[in-house]
Amino acid sequence: MTERPLAAAAPQAPPGQPSLFPTFRAHRGAIALLAAVAAAIWLLPALLDALYLRVMISSVIFTIAAAGTAVLYARLGLVSLAQVALVGVGGWVTLRMWHATGLPFEVDMLVAAVVSAVIGMLVGLPALRMRGLFLALITLMAAAGFQILVTGTQFPNGGTGFLGVAVTSIFMARPTLGQTDEAMLRYVCVIAVLCFLLVEANRRSRAGRAWALIRKSESCAMAAGVHVAFYKLWAFALAGFLAGIAGGLLAGTIGVLDATTFPASESVLLFALTVVGGAYSWMGQVLTGLLFRAAPALLNDIGVNGNLSYVIFGAGLLHALITAPTGIAGQILGALGRFARGRSSS
């Protein structure tokens, strides 16, 4: 069936859920706030100690991974529990490329992102026939399979051959623009912004309009000439690409990876925190990254067992599912909107 124009299918979020990037005219204050946040990010590395610099780098990296989870959940209503495994794929390929070829880090990372996108499409094939609990279970099984695979084969660490495993690890060098922790934090922040722009470009494109129709009704989408299978796989490829970028950055930051970094349970946690933070807004993914990595570190730093964070996250997930479907970010943006309307009316 020939696809017909999708101009009528604007990729709007469900009622009450904010768009990813507000228009300038309607939200000049929000754009000014974003500029202030960008300035704070530029200054933040000078204010943090060594521990929290590394925590913030990890938080930003998993913000990128959360953006991929949010694409599937917010745009198509699909639950994927394999995102952290795809981050592992990106890290594995980046390490292999760097040890084997010596190409610049950015090239290794992009190759890893493409490979993760292809594997993301393969993981998403069941989504062509099923969704909901069954899709979640299948993607979780894929994540568990990856964990078993890398536990047996290990991550490349400078050895010879395809697997490249050596007794003594050779650490991967950091990217040229991220030699210090301060520089690496700024580097990953810039990459994160580019990833958000990539998501927004897709949301505003034909793919975004198709996703809006598919989420509303697959039957309506097919009647409108939308190739449902193609655009679902497109979303999974985008999510995998973002996970590959995150994995490459993680490999470039740490220098060596192991299987314990990517357990299947982390994918479940990342999805839950994406819902808590807010899947419909870039702010939600930023909050997800902070909750995922910074919250446990902060609890440990003040003398509280970091595992208490799971209890807090569970309560937050219940709150989001029952009363705040747009997550913490949706509540913040809603409060700012009400405040702005109150000031304009006065």
C-alpha atoms as a PDB file:
ATOM      1  CA  MET A   1       0.000   0.000   0.000  1.00  0.00           C
ATOM      2  CA  THR A   2       1.344   3.438  -0.940  1.00  0.00           C
ATOM      3  CA  GLU A   3       1.883   5.717   2.021  1.00  0.00           C
ATOM      4  CA  ARG A   4      -0.260   8.833   2.074  1.00  0.00           C
ATOM      5  CA  PRO A   5       0.824  12.131   3.636  1.00  0.00           C
ATOM      6  CA  LEU A   6       0.692  12.237   7.403  1.00  0.00           C
ATOM      7  CA  ALA A   7       0.238  15.968   7.835  1.00  0.00           C
ATOM      8  CA  ALA A   8      -2.911  15.469   9.870  1.00  0.00           C
ATOM      9  CA  ALA A   9      -1.147  13.180  12.304  1.00  0.00           C
ATOM     10  CA  ALA A  10       0.804  15.685  14.345  1.00  0.00           C
ATOM     11  CA  PRO A  11       3.064  13.903  16.836  1.00  0.00           C
ATOM     12  CA  GLN A  12       1.470  15.375  19.920  1.00  0.00           C
ATOM     13  CA  ALA A  13       1.916  13.906  23.384  1.00  0.00           C
ATOM     14  CA  PRO A  14      -1.234  12.576  25.071  1.00  0.00           C
ATOM     15  CA  PRO A  15      -3.432  15.217  26.764  1.00  0.00           C
ATOM     16  CA  GLY A  16      -1.658  16.933  29.609  1.00  0.00           C
ATOM     17  CA  GLN A  17       1.762  15.694  28.504  1.00  0.00           C
ATOM     18  CA  PRO A  18       4.286  18.349  27.422  1.00  0.00           C
ATOM     19  CA  SER A  19       6.048  18.410  24.096  1.00  0.00           C
ATOM     20  CA  LEU A  20       9.756  17.606  24.091  1.00  0.00           C
ATOM     21  CA  PHE A  21      10.828  21.110  23.071  1.00  0.00           C
ATOM     22  CA  PRO A  22       8.299  23.961  23.480  1.00  0.00           C
ATOM     23  CA  THR A  23       8.041  26.627  20.801  1.00  0.00           C
ATOM     24  CA  PHE A  24      10.018  29.787  21.322  1.00  0.00           C
ATOM     25  CA  ARG A  25       7.025  32.106  21.240  1.00  0.00           C
ATOM     26  CA  ALA A  26       5.045  30.128  23.807  1.00  0.00           C
ATOM     27  CA  HIS A  27       7.937  29.343  26.116  1.00  0.00           C
ATOM     28  CA  ARG A  28      10.574  32.040  25.943  1.00  0.00           C
ATOM     29  CA  GLY A  29      11.076  31.727  29.693  1.00  0.00           C
ATOM     30  CA  ALA A  30      11.724  28.001  29.354  1.00  0.00           C
ATOM     31  CA  ILE A  31      14.341  28.636  26.671  1.00  0.00           C
ATOM     32  CA  ALA A  32      16.005  31.218  28.919  1.00  0.00           C
ATOM     33  CA  LEU A  33      15.986  28.613  31.682  1.00  0.00           C
ATOM     34  CA  LEU A  34      17.636  26.111  29.346  1.00  0.00           C
ATOM     35  CA  ALA A  35      20.348  28.649  28.583  1.00  0.00           C
ATOM     36  CA  ALA A  36      20.945  29.121  32.305  1.00  0.00           C
ATOM     37  CA  VAL A  37      21.119  25.347  32.789  1.00  0.00           C
ATOM     38  CA  ALA A  38      23.631  25.068  29.941  1.00  0.00           C
ATOM     39  CA  ALA A  39      25.774  27.730  31.608  1.00  0.00           C
ATOM     40  CA  ALA A  40      25.523  25.857  34.902  1.00  0.00           C
ATOM     41  CA  ILE A  41      26.636  22.637  33.220  1.00  0.00           C
ATOM     42  CA  TRP A  42      29.643  24.465  31.839  1.00  0.00           C
ATOM     43  CA  LEU A  43      30.555  25.718  35.315  1.00  0.00           C
ATOM     44  CA  LEU A  44      29.513  22.598  37.232  1.00  0.00           C
ATOM     45  CA  PRO A  45      32.721  20.589  36.660  1.00  0.00           C
ATOM     46  CA  ALA A  46      34.710  23.215  38.534  1.00  0.00           C
ATOM     47  CA  LEU A  47      32.423  22.898  41.559  1.00  0.00           C
ATOM     48  CA  LEU A  48      32.316  19.098  41.953  1.00  0.00           C
ATOM     49  CA  ASP A  49      34.869  16.874  43.626  1.00  0.00           C
ATOM     50  CA  ALA A  50      36.424  13.865  41.889  1.00  0.00           C
ATOM     51  CA  LEU A  51      33.754  11.395  43.063  1.00  0.00           C
ATOM     52  CA  TYR A  52      30.771  13.436  41.942  1.00  0.00           C
ATOM     53  CA  LEU A  53      32.417  14.338  38.651  1.00  0.00           C
ATOM     54  CA  ARG A  54      32.464  10.631  37.775  1.00  0.00           C
ATOM     55  CA  VAL A  55      28.917  10.184  39.098  1.00  0.00           C
ATOM     56  CA  MET A  56      27.659  13.050  36.941  1.00  0.00           C
ATOM     57  CA  ILE A  57      29.429  11.685  33.869  1.00  0.00           C
ATOM     58  CA  SER A  58      27.700   8.338  34.393  1.00  0.00           C
ATOM     59  CA  SER A  59      24.376  10.095  35.005  1.00  0.00           C
ATOM     60  CA  VAL A  60      24.586  11.982  31.706  1.00  0.00           C
ATOM     61  CA  ILE A  61      25.539   8.810  29.838  1.00  0.00           C
ATOM     62  CA  PHE A  62      22.495   6.969  31.153  1.00  0.00           C
ATOM     63  CA  THR A  63      20.383  10.011  30.344  1.00  0.00           C
ATOM     64  CA  ILE A  64      21.158   9.232  26.701  1.00  0.00           C
ATOM     65  CA  ALA A  65      20.186   5.588  27.193  1.00  0.00           C
ATOM     66  CA  ALA A  66      16.949   6.685  28.906  1.00  0.00           C
ATOM     67  CA  ALA A  67      16.129   8.854  25.881  1.00  0.00           C
ATOM     68  CA  GLY A  68      15.991   5.666  23.797  1.00  0.00           C
ATOM     69  CA  THR A  69      13.668   3.963  26.269  1.00  0.00           C
ATOM     70  CA  ALA A  70      11.484   7.080  26.269  1.00  0.00           C
ATOM     71  CA  VAL A  71      11.183   7.069  22.461  1.00  0.00           C
ATOM     72  CA  LEU A  72       9.627   3.607  22.530  1.00  0.00           C
ATOM     73  CA  TYR A  73       7.388   4.207  25.526  1.00  0.00           C
ATOM     74  CA  ALA A  74       6.242   7.775  24.881  1.00  0.00           C
ATOM     75  CA  ARG A  75       5.870   7.616  21.100  1.00  0.00           C
ATOM     76  CA  LEU A  76       4.624   4.049  20.617  1.00  0.00           C
ATOM     77  CA  GLY A  77       3.583   2.807  24.056  1.00  0.00           C
ATOM     78  CA  LEU A  78       6.126  -0.036  23.809  1.00  0.00           C
ATOM     79  CA  VAL A  79       8.011  -1.418  26.813  1.00  0.00           C
ATOM     80  CA  SER A  80      11.599  -2.483  26.109  1.00  0.00           C
ATOM     81  CA  LEU A  81      13.629  -3.963  28.949  1.00  0.00           C
ATOM     82  CA  ALA A  82      16.809  -4.502  26.947  1.00  0.00           C
ATOM     83  CA  GLN A  83      18.165  -0.951  26.802  1.00  0.00           C
ATOM     84  CA  VAL A  84      21.040  -1.449  29.255  1.00  0.00           C
ATOM     85  CA  ALA A  85      22.026  -4.608  27.364  1.00  0.00           C
ATOM     86  CA  LEU A  86      22.218  -2.505  24.187  1.00  0.00           C
ATOM     87  CA  VAL A  87      24.408  -0.052  26.091  1.00  0.00           C
ATOM     88  CA  GLY A  88      26.645  -3.052  26.749  1.00  0.00           C
ATOM     89  CA  VAL A  89      26.674  -3.881  23.045  1.00  0.00           C
ATOM     90  CA  GLY A  90      27.795  -0.329  22.295  1.00  0.00           C
ATOM     91  CA  GLY A  91      30.552  -0.584  24.881  1.00  0.00           C
ATOM     92  CA  TRP A  92      31.711  -3.969  23.566  1.00  0.00           C
ATOM     93  CA  VAL A  93      31.937  -2.797  19.949  1.00  0.00           C
ATOM     94  CA  THR A  94      33.646   0.456  20.920  1.00  0.00           C
ATOM     95  CA  LEU A  95      36.330  -1.409  22.875  1.00  0.00           C
ATOM     96  CA  ARG A  96      36.813  -3.921  20.075  1.00  0.00           C
ATOM     97  CA  MET A  97      37.097  -1.184  17.454  1.00  0.00           C
ATOM     98  CA  TRP A  98      39.569   0.856  19.482  1.00  0.00           C
ATOM     99  CA  HIS A  99      41.857  -2.072  20.320  1.00  0.00           C
ATOM    100  CA  ALA A 100      41.707  -3.512  16.802  1.00  0.00           C
ATOM    101  CA  THR A 101      41.862  -0.432  14.575  1.00  0.00           C
ATOM    102  CA  GLY A 102      43.166   2.551  16.543  1.00  0.00           C
ATOM    103  CA  LEU A 103      40.612   4.800  14.830  1.00  0.00           C
ATOM    104  CA  PRO A 104      39.485   8.007  16.575  1.00  0.00           C
ATOM    105  CA  PHE A 105      37.070   7.484  19.443  1.00  0.00           C
ATOM    106  CA  GLU A 106      34.194   9.218  17.659  1.00  0.00           C
ATOM    107  CA  VAL A 107      34.433   6.798  14.725  1.00  0.00           C
ATOM    108  CA  ASP A 108      34.483   3.798  17.085  1.00  0.00           C
ATOM    109  CA  MET A 109      31.468   5.166  18.942  1.00  0.00           C
ATOM    110  CA  LEU A 110      29.444   5.754  15.778  1.00  0.00           C
ATOM    111  CA  VAL A 111      30.209   2.240  14.499  1.00  0.00           C
ATOM    112  CA  ALA A 112      29.112   0.879  17.874  1.00  0.00           C
ATOM    113  CA  ALA A 113      25.912   2.949  17.686  1.00  0.00           C
ATOM    114  CA  VAL A 114      25.087   1.549  14.239  1.00  0.00           C
ATOM    115  CA  VAL A 115      25.706  -2.035  15.408  1.00  0.00           C
ATOM    116  CA  SER A 116      23.525  -1.416  18.475  1.00  0.00           C
ATOM    117  CA  ALA A 117      20.816   0.021  16.210  1.00  0.00           C
ATOM    118  CA  VAL A 118      20.822  -3.146  14.083  1.00  0.00           C
ATOM    119  CA  ILE A 119      20.651  -5.368  17.167  1.00  0.00           C
ATOM    120  CA  GLY A 120      17.943  -3.085  18.558  1.00  0.00           C
ATOM    121  CA  MET A 121      15.885  -3.750  15.432  1.00  0.00           C
ATOM    122  CA  LEU A 122      16.363  -7.495  15.882  1.00  0.00           C
ATOM    123  CA  VAL A 123      15.263  -7.228  19.506  1.00  0.00           C
ATOM    124  CA  GLY A 124      12.248  -5.235  18.323  1.00  0.00           C
ATOM    125  CA  LEU A 125      11.075  -7.804  15.774  1.00  0.00           C
ATOM    126  CA  PRO A 126       8.605  -9.352  18.268  1.00  0.00           C
ATOM    127  CA  ALA A 127       7.005  -5.895  18.587  1.00  0.00           C
ATOM    128  CA  LEU A 128       5.606  -6.417  15.096  1.00  0.00           C
ATOM    129  CA  ARG A 129       3.252  -9.045  16.543  1.00  0.00           C
ATOM    130  CA  MET A 130       2.926  -8.279  20.228  1.00  0.00           C
ATOM    131  CA  ARG A 131       3.218  -5.559  22.839  1.00  0.00           C
ATOM    132  CA  GLY A 132       2.616  -5.017  26.546  1.00  0.00           C
ATOM    133  CA  LEU A 133       3.693  -7.723  28.967  1.00  0.00           C
ATOM    134  CA  PHE A 134       4.729 -10.227  26.294  1.00  0.00           C
ATOM    135  CA  LEU A 135       7.045  -7.743  24.567  1.00  0.00           C
ATOM    136  CA  ALA A 136       8.504  -6.707  27.925  1.00  0.00           C
ATOM    137  CA  LEU A 137       9.265 -10.328  28.804  1.00  0.00           C
ATOM    138  CA  ILE A 138      10.889 -11.046  25.448  1.00  0.00           C
ATOM    139  CA  THR A 139      13.148  -7.990  25.641  1.00  0.00           C
ATOM    140  CA  LEU A 140      14.016  -8.868  29.241  1.00  0.00           C
ATOM    141  CA  MET A 141      15.010 -12.366  28.070  1.00  0.00           C
ATOM    142  CA  ALA A 142      17.224 -10.753  25.431  1.00  0.00           C
ATOM    143  CA  ALA A 143      18.900  -8.665  28.140  1.00  0.00           C
ATOM    144  CA  ALA A 144      19.461 -11.763  30.274  1.00  0.00           C
ATOM    145  CA  GLY A 145      20.895 -13.574  27.248  1.00  0.00           C
ATOM    146  CA  PHE A 146      23.363 -10.749  26.666  1.00  0.00           C
ATOM    147  CA  GLN A 147      24.421 -10.907  30.317  1.00  0.00           C
ATOM    148  CA  ILE A 148      25.126 -14.634  30.035  1.00  0.00           C
ATOM    149  CA  LEU A 149      26.987 -14.157  26.741  1.00  0.00           C
ATOM    150  CA  VAL A 150      29.357 -11.446  27.955  1.00  0.00           C
ATOM    151  CA  THR A 151      29.924 -13.252  31.246  1.00  0.00           C
ATOM    152  CA  GLY A 152      31.259 -16.197  29.259  1.00  0.00           C
ATOM    153  CA  THR A 153      33.191 -14.281  26.596  1.00  0.00           C
ATOM    154  CA  GLN A 154      34.135 -11.105  28.544  1.00  0.00           C
ATOM    155  CA  PHE A 155      34.662  -7.636  27.090  1.00  0.00           C
ATOM    156  CA  PRO A 156      37.619  -6.908  24.784  1.00  0.00           C
ATOM    157  CA  ASN A 157      40.537  -5.574  26.815  1.00  0.00           C
ATOM    158  CA  GLY A 158      43.402  -5.485  24.351  1.00  0.00           C
ATOM    159  CA  GLY A 159      43.984  -9.164  23.599  1.00  0.00           C
ATOM    160  CA  THR A 160      44.338 -10.655  20.131  1.00  0.00           C
ATOM    161  CA  GLY A 161      41.628 -12.243  18.023  1.00  0.00           C
ATOM    162  CA  PHE A 162      38.006 -11.257  17.583  1.00  0.00           C
ATOM    163  CA  LEU A 163      37.191 -11.360  21.303  1.00  0.00           C
ATOM    164  CA  GLY A 164      40.424  -9.648  22.267  1.00  0.00           C
ATOM    165  CA  VAL A 165      40.632 -10.905  25.851  1.00  0.00           C
ATOM    166  CA  ALA A 166      43.999 -10.682  27.619  1.00  0.00           C
ATOM    167  CA  VAL A 167      45.154 -11.609  31.109  1.00  0.00           C
ATOM    168  CA  THR A 168      46.242  -8.049  31.813  1.00  0.00           C
ATOM    169  CA  SER A 169      43.796  -5.404  30.654  1.00  0.00           C
ATOM    170  CA  ILE A 170      44.892  -2.517  28.458  1.00  0.00           C
ATOM    171  CA  PHE A 171      42.715   0.466  29.232  1.00  0.00           C
ATOM    172  CA  MET A 172      41.107   2.294  26.359  1.00  0.00           C
ATOM    173  CA  ALA A 173      42.252   5.910  26.029  1.00  0.00           C
ATOM    174  CA  ARG A 174      39.727   8.656  26.582  1.00  0.00           C
ATOM    175  CA  PRO A 175      38.605  10.826  23.653  1.00  0.00           C
ATOM    176  CA  THR A 176      40.863  13.724  22.804  1.00  0.00           C
ATOM    177  CA  LEU A 177      38.331  16.269  24.061  1.00  0.00           C
ATOM    178  CA  GLY A 178      37.724  14.433  27.329  1.00  0.00           C
ATOM    179  CA  GLN A 179      41.119  13.713  28.828  1.00  0.00           C
ATOM    180  CA  THR A 180      40.215  14.986  32.296  1.00  0.00           C
ATOM    181  CA  ASP A 181      37.034  14.325  34.273  1.00  0.00           C
ATOM    182  CA  GLU A 182      36.012  17.966  33.909  1.00  0.00           C
ATOM    183  CA  ALA A 183      36.482  17.863  30.147  1.00  0.00           C
ATOM    184  CA  MET A 184      34.746  14.477  29.901  1.00  0.00           C
ATOM    185  CA  LEU A 185      31.675  15.791  31.708  1.00  0.00           C
ATOM    186  CA  ARG A 186      31.389  18.670  29.258  1.00  0.00           C
ATOM    187  CA  TYR A 187      32.020  16.272  26.361  1.00  0.00           C
ATOM    188  CA  VAL A 188      29.231  13.864  27.317  1.00  0.00           C
ATOM    189  CA  CYS A 189      26.877  16.804  27.936  1.00  0.00           C
ATOM    190  CA  VAL A 190      27.449  18.036  24.377  1.00  0.00           C
ATOM    191  CA  ILE A 191      26.858  14.523  23.012  1.00  0.00           C
ATOM    192  CA  ALA A 192      23.666  14.284  25.102  1.00  0.00           C
ATOM    193  CA  VAL A 193      22.353  17.538  23.625  1.00  0.00           C
ATOM    194  CA  LEU A 194      23.063  16.252  20.104  1.00  0.00           C
ATOM    195  CA  CYS A 195      21.189  13.036  20.946  1.00  0.00           C
ATOM    196  CA  PHE A 196      18.178  15.002  22.194  1.00  0.00           C
ATOM    197  CA  LEU A 197      18.212  17.003  18.973  1.00  0.00           C
ATOM    198  CA  LEU A 198      18.295  13.745  17.001  1.00  0.00           C
ATOM    199  CA  VAL A 199      15.233  12.501  18.897  1.00  0.00           C
ATOM    200  CA  GLU A 200      13.446  15.795  18.313  1.00  0.00           C
ATOM    201  CA  ALA A 201      14.288  15.729  14.606  1.00  0.00           C
ATOM    202  CA  ASN A 202      12.735  12.273  14.361  1.00  0.00           C
ATOM    203  CA  ARG A 203       9.689  13.374  16.349  1.00  0.00           C
ATOM    204  CA  ARG A 204       9.086  16.247  13.942  1.00  0.00           C
ATOM    205  CA  SER A 205       9.690  14.143  10.842  1.00  0.00           C
ATOM    206  CA  ARG A 206       7.457  11.709   8.968  1.00  0.00           C
ATOM    207  CA  ALA A 207       8.519   9.042  11.468  1.00  0.00           C
ATOM    208  CA  GLY A 208       7.156  11.092  14.367  1.00  0.00           C
ATOM    209  CA  ARG A 209       3.811  11.569  12.618  1.00  0.00           C
ATOM    210  CA  ALA A 210       3.663   7.855  11.895  1.00  0.00           C
ATOM    211  CA  TRP A 211       4.442   7.018  15.529  1.00  0.00           C
ATOM    212  CA  ALA A 212       1.613   9.309  16.657  1.00  0.00           C
ATOM    213  CA  LEU A 213      -0.859   7.445  14.443  1.00  0.00           C
ATOM    214  CA  ILE A 214       0.425   4.021  15.466  1.00  0.00           C
ATOM    215  CA  ARG A 215       0.150   4.855  19.151  1.00  0.00           C
ATOM    216  CA  LYS A 216      -3.418   6.030  18.654  1.00  0.00           C
ATOM    217  CA  SER A 217      -4.447   2.976  16.643  1.00  0.00           C
ATOM    218  CA  GLU A 218      -2.453   0.598  14.475  1.00  0.00           C
ATOM    219  CA  SER A 219      -5.571  -0.055  12.388  1.00  0.00           C
ATOM    220  CA  CYS A 220      -6.034   3.667  11.740  1.00  0.00           C
ATOM    221  CA  ALA A 221      -2.362   3.979  10.893  1.00  0.00           C
ATOM    222  CA  MET A 222      -2.556   1.163   8.378  1.00  0.00           C
ATOM    223  CA  ALA A 223      -5.708   2.685   6.877  1.00  0.00           C
ATOM    224  CA  ALA A 224      -3.795   5.958   6.463  1.00  0.00           C
ATOM    225  CA  GLY A 225      -1.085   4.141   4.529  1.00  0.00           C
ATOM    226  CA  VAL A 226       1.502   3.944   7.309  1.00  0.00           C
ATOM    227  CA  HIS A 227       3.931   1.026   7.140  1.00  0.00           C
ATOM    228  CA  VAL A 228       3.519   0.029  10.788  1.00  0.00           C
ATOM    229  CA  ALA A 229       6.288  -2.589  10.854  1.00  0.00           C
ATOM    230  CA  PHE A 230       8.811  -0.234   9.262  1.00  0.00           C
ATOM    231  CA  TYR A 231       8.182   2.625  11.680  1.00  0.00           C
ATOM    232  CA  LYS A 232       8.203   0.356  14.723  1.00  0.00           C
ATOM    233  CA  LEU A 233      11.591  -0.981  13.697  1.00  0.00           C
ATOM    234  CA  TRP A 234      12.702   2.598  13.043  1.00  0.00           C
ATOM    235  CA  ALA A 235      11.923   3.434  16.682  1.00  0.00           C
ATOM    236  CA  PHE A 236      13.792   0.379  17.949  1.00  0.00           C
ATOM    237  CA  ALA A 237      16.761   1.290  15.739  1.00  0.00           C
ATOM    238  CA  LEU A 238      16.789   4.829  17.139  1.00  0.00           C
ATOM    239  CA  ALA A 239      16.617   3.509  20.706  1.00  0.00           C
ATOM    240  CA  GLY A 240      19.467   1.104  19.941  1.00  0.00           C
ATOM    241  CA  PHE A 241      21.515   3.873  18.337  1.00  0.00           C
ATOM    242  CA  LEU A 242      21.196   6.021  21.461  1.00  0.00           C
ATOM    243  CA  ALA A 243      22.110   3.044  23.645  1.00  0.00           C
ATOM    244  CA  GLY A 244      25.191   2.436  21.485  1.00  0.00           C
ATOM    245  CA  ILE A 245      26.261   6.064  21.914  1.00  0.00           C
ATOM    246  CA  ALA A 246      25.836   5.673  25.680  1.00  0.00           C
ATOM    247  CA  GLY A 247      27.854   2.448  25.660  1.00  0.00           C
ATOM    248  CA  GLY A 248      30.645   4.041  23.669  1.00  0.00           C
ATOM    249  CA  LEU A 249      30.826   6.963  26.077  1.00  0.00           C
ATOM    250  CA  LEU A 250      30.861   4.585  29.035  1.00  0.00           C
ATOM    251  CA  ALA A 251      33.741   2.627  27.521  1.00  0.00           C
ATOM    252  CA  GLY A 252      35.605   5.833  26.743  1.00  0.00           C
ATOM    253  CA  THR A 253      35.125   7.099  30.294  1.00  0.00           C
ATOM    254  CA  ILE A 254      36.063   3.967  32.237  1.00  0.00           C
ATOM    255  CA  GLY A 255      38.522   2.414  29.773  1.00  0.00           C
ATOM    256  CA  VAL A 256      37.534  -1.196  30.492  1.00  0.00           C
ATOM    257  CA  LEU A 257      34.144  -2.866  31.039  1.00  0.00           C
ATOM    258  CA  ASP A 258      32.894  -6.126  32.504  1.00  0.00           C
ATOM    259  CA  ALA A 259      29.651  -8.092  32.518  1.00  0.00           C
ATOM    260  CA  THR A 260      28.659  -6.973  36.013  1.00  0.00           C
ATOM    261  CA  THR A 261      28.050  -3.473  34.651  1.00  0.00           C
ATOM    262  CA  PHE A 262      25.109  -4.620  32.516  1.00  0.00           C
ATOM    263  CA  PRO A 263      22.821  -6.976  34.466  1.00  0.00           C
ATOM    264  CA  ALA A 264      19.310  -7.497  33.105  1.00  0.00           C
ATOM    265  CA  SER A 265      17.852  -5.974  36.268  1.00  0.00           C
ATOM    266  CA  GLU A 266      19.418  -2.615  35.355  1.00  0.00           C
ATOM    267  CA  SER A 267      17.278  -2.490  32.212  1.00  0.00           C
ATOM    268  CA  VAL A 268      14.154  -2.945  34.336  1.00  0.00           C
ATOM    269  CA  LEU A 269      15.318  -0.196  36.678  1.00  0.00           C
ATOM    270  CA  LEU A 270      16.113   2.163  33.794  1.00  0.00           C
ATOM    271  CA  PHE A 271      12.635   1.716  32.330  1.00  0.00           C
ATOM    272  CA  ALA A 272      10.969   2.250  35.718  1.00  0.00           C
ATOM    273  CA  LEU A 273      12.951   5.443  36.310  1.00  0.00           C
ATOM    274  CA  THR A 274      12.121   6.661  32.805  1.00  0.00           C
ATOM    275  CA  VAL A 275       8.460   6.482  33.805  1.00  0.00           C
ATOM    276  CA  VAL A 276       9.187   8.167  37.141  1.00  0.00           C
ATOM    277  CA  GLY A 277      11.287  10.960  35.604  1.00  0.00           C
ATOM    278  CA  GLY A 278       8.937  11.476  32.673  1.00  0.00           C
ATOM    279  CA  ALA A 279       9.107   9.848  29.255  1.00  0.00           C
ATOM    280  CA  TYR A 280       7.529  12.761  27.360  1.00  0.00           C
ATOM    281  CA  SER A 281      10.141  15.413  28.051  1.00  0.00           C
ATOM    282  CA  TRP A 282      13.902  15.813  27.744  1.00  0.00           C
ATOM    283  CA  MET A 283      13.810  16.978  31.360  1.00  0.00           C
ATOM    284  CA  GLY A 284      12.403  13.601  32.337  1.00  0.00           C
ATOM    285  CA  GLN A 285      15.369  11.775  30.834  1.00  0.00           C
ATOM    286  CA  VAL A 286      17.778  14.095  32.658  1.00  0.00           C
ATOM    287  CA  LEU A 287      15.992  13.283  35.920  1.00  0.00           C
ATOM    288  CA  THR A 288      16.146   9.591  35.041  1.00  0.00           C
ATOM    289  CA  GLY A 289      19.920   9.729  34.663  1.00  0.00           C
ATOM    290  CA  LEU A 290      20.285  11.535  37.985  1.00  0.00           C
ATOM    291  CA  LEU A 291      18.030   9.060  39.781  1.00  0.00           C
ATOM    292  CA  PHE A 292      19.764   6.103  38.148  1.00  0.00           C
ATOM    293  CA  ARG A 293      23.303   7.012  39.152  1.00  0.00           C
ATOM    294  CA  ALA A 294      23.456  10.120  41.352  1.00  0.00           C
ATOM    295  CA  ALA A 295      20.753   9.213  43.903  1.00  0.00           C
ATOM    296  CA  PRO A 296      22.423   5.982  45.158  1.00  0.00           C
ATOM    297  CA  ALA A 297      25.807   7.743  45.318  1.00  0.00           C
ATOM    298  CA  LEU A 298      24.303  10.608  47.320  1.00  0.00           C
ATOM    299  CA  LEU A 299      22.676   8.203  49.787  1.00  0.00           C
ATOM    300  CA  ASN A 300      25.974   6.379  50.275  1.00  0.00           C
ATOM    301  CA  ASP A 301      27.762   9.675  50.746  1.00  0.00           C
ATOM    302  CA  ILE A 302      25.470  10.736  53.607  1.00  0.00           C
ATOM    303  CA  GLY A 303      25.873   7.365  55.330  1.00  0.00           C
ATOM    304  CA  VAL A 304      22.644   5.702  54.153  1.00  0.00           C
ATOM    305  CA  ASN A 305      22.682   2.343  52.395  1.00  0.00           C
ATOM    306  CA  GLY A 306      22.386   3.059  48.683  1.00  0.00           C
ATOM    307  CA  ASN A 307      20.033   0.110  48.283  1.00  0.00           C
ATOM    308  CA  LEU A 308      17.399   2.235  50.027  1.00  0.00           C
ATOM    309  CA  SER A 309      17.094   4.012  46.696  1.00  0.00           C
ATOM    310  CA  TYR A 310      15.188   0.997  45.335  1.00  0.00           C
ATOM    311  CA  VAL A 311      12.492   1.549  47.953  1.00  0.00           C
ATOM    312  CA  ILE A 312      12.307   5.228  47.014  1.00  0.00           C
ATOM    313  CA  PHE A 313      12.184   4.364  43.310  1.00  0.00           C
ATOM    314  CA  GLY A 314       9.384   1.861  43.914  1.00  0.00           C
ATOM    315  CA  ALA A 315       7.314   4.471  45.725  1.00  0.00           C
ATOM    316  CA  GLY A 316       8.026   6.952  42.943  1.00  0.00           C
ATOM    317  CA  LEU A 317       6.914   4.453  40.302  1.00  0.00           C
ATOM    318  CA  LEU A 318       3.621   3.828  42.113  1.00  0.00           C
ATOM    319  CA  HIS A 319       3.082   7.576  42.365  1.00  0.00           C
ATOM    320  CA  ALA A 320       3.787   8.025  38.648  1.00  0.00           C
ATOM    321  CA  LEU A 321       1.498   5.192  37.568  1.00  0.00           C
ATOM    322  CA  ILE A 322      -1.393   6.276  39.806  1.00  0.00           C
ATOM    323  CA  THR A 323      -1.338  10.069  39.829  1.00  0.00           C
ATOM    324  CA  ALA A 324       1.428  11.406  37.561  1.00  0.00           C
ATOM    325  CA  PRO A 325       1.602   9.635  34.176  1.00  0.00           C
ATOM    326  CA  THR A 326       3.861  12.395  32.844  1.00  0.00           C
ATOM    327  CA  GLY A 327       6.347  11.797  35.673  1.00  0.00           C
ATOM    328  CA  ILE A 328       8.242  14.320  37.748  1.00  0.00           C
ATOM    329  CA  ALA A 329       9.125  16.397  34.676  1.00  0.00           C
ATOM    330  CA  GLY A 330       5.478  16.655  33.682  1.00  0.00           C
ATOM    331  CA  GLN A 331       4.567  17.917  37.132  1.00  0.00           C
ATOM    332  CA  ILE A 332       7.397  20.469  37.082  1.00  0.00           C
ATOM    333  CA  LEU A 333       6.495  21.742  33.611  1.00  0.00           C
ATOM    334  CA  GLY A 334       2.812  21.863  34.565  1.00  0.00           C
ATOM    335  CA  ALA A 335       3.599  23.922  37.670  1.00  0.00           C
ATOM    336  CA  LEU A 336       5.784  26.297  35.631  1.00  0.00           C
ATOM    337  CA  GLY A 337       3.001  26.667  33.070  1.00  0.00           C
ATOM    338  CA  ARG A 338       0.434  27.521  35.748  1.00  0.00           C
ATOM    339  CA  PHE A 339       2.852  30.015  37.294  1.00  0.00           C
ATOM    340  CA  ALA A 340       3.462  31.669  33.915  1.00  0.00           C
ATOM    341  CA  ARG A 341      -0.290  31.879  33.183  1.00  0.00           C
ATOM    342  CA  GLY A 342      -0.876  33.382  36.619  1.00  0.00           C
ATOM    343  CA  ARG A 343       1.731  36.072  36.046  1.00  0.00           C
ATOM    344  CA  SER A 344       0.391  36.895  32.573  1.00  0.00           C
ATOM    345  CA  SER A 345      -3.185  37.175  33.818  1.00  0.00           C
ATOM    346  CA  SER A 346      -2.119  39.454  36.664  1.00  0.00           C
END
